Protein backbone atom coordinates (compact mmCIF):
# COMPACT_ATOMS: atom_id res chain seq x y z
CA MET A 1 -30.54 -73.25 155.43
CA ALA A 2 -29.40 -73.32 152.36
CA ARG A 3 -30.49 -70.66 149.55
CA LYS A 4 -32.64 -71.39 146.94
CA LYS A 5 -31.37 -70.86 143.14
CA SER A 6 -33.90 -68.32 140.71
CA THR A 7 -34.76 -70.35 137.32
CA SER A 8 -35.38 -68.25 133.73
CA HIS A 9 -37.25 -70.23 131.09
CA ILE A 10 -38.38 -68.47 128.31
CA VAL A 11 -42.14 -69.26 125.71
CA VAL A 12 -40.89 -69.43 122.35
CA ILE A 13 -44.11 -69.49 120.04
CA ASN A 14 -44.07 -70.75 116.42
CA ASP A 15 -45.49 -69.40 113.20
CA SER A 16 -48.39 -72.33 114.20
CA GLU A 17 -49.03 -70.52 118.13
CA GLU A 18 -47.37 -73.59 118.96
CA VAL A 19 -45.24 -73.25 122.22
CA LEU A 20 -41.76 -74.74 122.26
CA CYS A 21 -41.87 -77.52 124.95
CA VAL A 22 -39.06 -79.65 126.88
CA SER A 23 -39.71 -82.76 128.85
CA ARG A 24 -38.15 -83.63 131.87
CA LYS A 25 -35.11 -85.38 132.06
CA ASP A 26 -36.61 -88.11 134.22
CA ASP A 27 -40.08 -88.71 133.36
CA LEU A 28 -40.12 -87.52 128.89
CA ASN A 29 -44.32 -87.32 129.37
CA ASP A 30 -44.20 -84.12 131.61
CA PHE A 31 -43.31 -81.00 129.60
CA GLY A 32 -42.60 -77.36 130.68
CA LEU A 33 -40.87 -74.35 129.30
CA PRO A 34 -37.36 -75.00 128.60
CA GLY A 35 -35.11 -73.04 131.23
CA GLY A 36 -33.58 -74.16 134.23
CA LYS A 37 -31.43 -72.53 137.29
CA ILE A 38 -29.36 -68.92 136.68
CA GLU A 39 -26.11 -70.18 137.25
CA LYS A 40 -22.92 -67.67 139.19
CA ASP A 41 -21.93 -67.19 135.53
CA ASP A 42 -24.85 -65.84 133.97
CA SER A 43 -24.76 -62.21 133.64
CA SER A 44 -28.30 -61.82 133.58
CA PRO A 45 -32.04 -64.05 133.86
CA GLU A 46 -32.36 -62.75 130.59
CA THR A 47 -28.98 -64.54 129.78
CA ALA A 48 -29.61 -67.22 131.94
CA GLY A 49 -32.89 -68.47 130.07
CA ILE A 50 -31.23 -67.90 126.36
CA ARG A 51 -28.51 -69.91 128.13
CA GLU A 52 -30.74 -73.22 128.77
CA VAL A 53 -32.77 -72.57 125.31
CA LYS A 54 -30.42 -72.94 123.69
CA GLU A 55 -28.71 -75.85 125.16
CA GLU A 56 -32.21 -77.95 125.50
CA THR A 57 -33.05 -77.16 122.28
CA GLY A 58 -31.17 -75.84 119.99
CA ILE A 59 -33.05 -72.99 119.70
CA ASP A 60 -31.42 -69.11 119.17
CA ILE A 61 -32.90 -66.86 121.23
CA HIS A 62 -32.53 -62.94 120.33
CA SER A 63 -34.56 -61.10 122.05
CA THR A 64 -37.01 -61.08 124.99
CA ILE A 65 -39.42 -58.89 127.05
CA LEU A 66 -40.21 -60.25 130.74
CA LEU A 67 -43.53 -62.27 130.20
CA TYR A 68 -43.75 -63.32 134.42
CA ALA A 69 -42.16 -63.24 137.21
CA GLU A 70 -42.92 -64.32 141.03
CA HIS A 71 -41.02 -64.43 143.91
CA ARG A 72 -42.58 -68.25 145.46
CA ARG A 73 -40.99 -70.89 147.60
CA GLY A 74 -37.87 -69.32 148.67
CA SER A 75 -36.98 -68.45 145.24
CA MET A 76 -37.44 -65.67 141.92
CA GLY A 77 -38.27 -67.34 139.07
CA TYR A 78 -38.36 -65.31 135.47
CA THR A 79 -40.12 -66.07 132.51
CA TYR A 80 -39.70 -64.76 129.19
CA LEU A 81 -41.30 -64.32 125.50
CA ALA A 82 -39.14 -64.51 122.85
CA THR A 83 -39.57 -61.63 120.55
CA SER A 84 -36.82 -63.06 118.03
CA TRP A 85 -35.23 -66.41 117.36
CA SER A 86 -34.08 -68.48 114.52
CA GLY A 87 -33.11 -71.92 114.07
CA ASP A 88 -34.45 -75.90 114.38
CA ILE A 89 -35.29 -78.17 117.24
CA GLY A 90 -31.90 -80.38 117.74
CA HIS A 91 -30.04 -80.96 120.73
CA ASP A 92 -28.27 -83.41 122.73
CA GLU A 93 -29.67 -84.00 126.12
CA PRO A 94 -31.66 -87.12 127.51
CA HIS A 95 -35.28 -85.01 127.31
CA ILE A 96 -37.78 -84.47 124.47
CA ALA A 97 -37.92 -80.63 122.98
CA LYS A 98 -40.82 -80.44 120.40
CA TRP A 99 -43.88 -77.81 119.58
CA GLY A 100 -46.57 -78.72 121.81
CA SER A 101 -49.65 -76.43 123.60
CA PHE A 102 -49.93 -74.70 126.80
CA CYS A 103 -52.58 -77.19 127.52
CA GLU A 104 -49.62 -79.32 127.69
CA LEU A 105 -47.38 -77.49 129.63
CA VAL A 106 -50.35 -77.09 132.30
CA GLY A 107 -50.61 -80.62 132.74
CA GLY A 108 -47.38 -81.03 133.66
CA LYS A 109 -45.35 -80.85 137.47
CA TYR A 110 -45.10 -76.68 137.29
CA GLY A 111 -48.62 -76.47 135.88
CA GLU A 112 -49.80 -73.89 138.33
CA TRP A 113 -46.48 -71.77 136.99
CA ASN A 114 -47.03 -72.04 133.57
CA LEU A 115 -50.91 -71.37 134.00
CA LYS A 116 -49.97 -68.27 135.50
CA VAL A 117 -47.29 -67.38 131.90
CA PHE A 118 -50.20 -68.60 129.66
CA ARG A 119 -52.50 -66.24 131.16
CA SER A 120 -50.10 -63.23 131.09
CA TYR A 121 -49.08 -64.30 127.20
CA SER A 122 -53.17 -64.04 126.59
CA ASP A 123 -53.11 -60.78 128.50
CA LEU A 124 -50.21 -59.48 126.25
CA LYS A 125 -51.36 -60.89 122.80
CA LYS A 126 -54.53 -58.54 123.54
CA THR A 127 -52.57 -55.29 123.35
CA LYS A 128 -50.57 -52.73 120.67
CA LYS A 129 -47.38 -53.92 122.44
CA TYR A 130 -47.21 -57.45 121.30
CA LYS A 131 -48.51 -56.80 117.66
CA LYS A 132 -45.60 -54.47 117.29
CA LEU A 133 -43.15 -56.92 118.64
CA MET A 134 -44.40 -59.64 116.14
CA ASN A 135 -44.89 -57.82 113.31
CA ILE A 136 -41.18 -56.99 114.16
CA GLN A 137 -40.15 -60.52 114.60
CA ASN A 138 -41.69 -61.11 111.59
CA GLY A 139 -39.70 -58.69 109.76
CA LYS A 140 -42.09 -56.60 108.43
CA GLU A 141 -40.38 -53.31 110.25
CA GLU A 142 -37.33 -54.90 110.70
CA GLY A 143 -34.50 -58.22 110.80
CA ASN A 144 -35.17 -61.68 108.99
CA SER A 145 -35.87 -63.55 112.14
CA LYS A 146 -37.17 -67.38 111.34
CA ASN A 147 -40.26 -69.10 113.13
């Protein structure tokens, strides 16, 4: 039996609290988080997610924290939260990339996974750690990240 590949995704939130969404290539009305399979050349799940976001959206991810991980259906899934990013949406892949809502993500093919990610993000937002991370992201403590 062939081993299933693990996946990595990244949640990117802008100043308007919108989440970066990408459509499936075979269904432009079904949106999910940017990300995909971890390739053998990726040094970690995090770098795989960063690579996928750049390929799928044109956005550069500078730093992340692990937001949610789960083993299911024979593979491992990782979802990170971008704590620093820059750039604008722009790509040449056959899908749509846009700013949207978690509601759109929960309504898609991977809605169950995205709902778990949303709950984890909502829990993190209530913590002091989140507030500190977002202050750093917004340049209040260091850096000049754009979002």
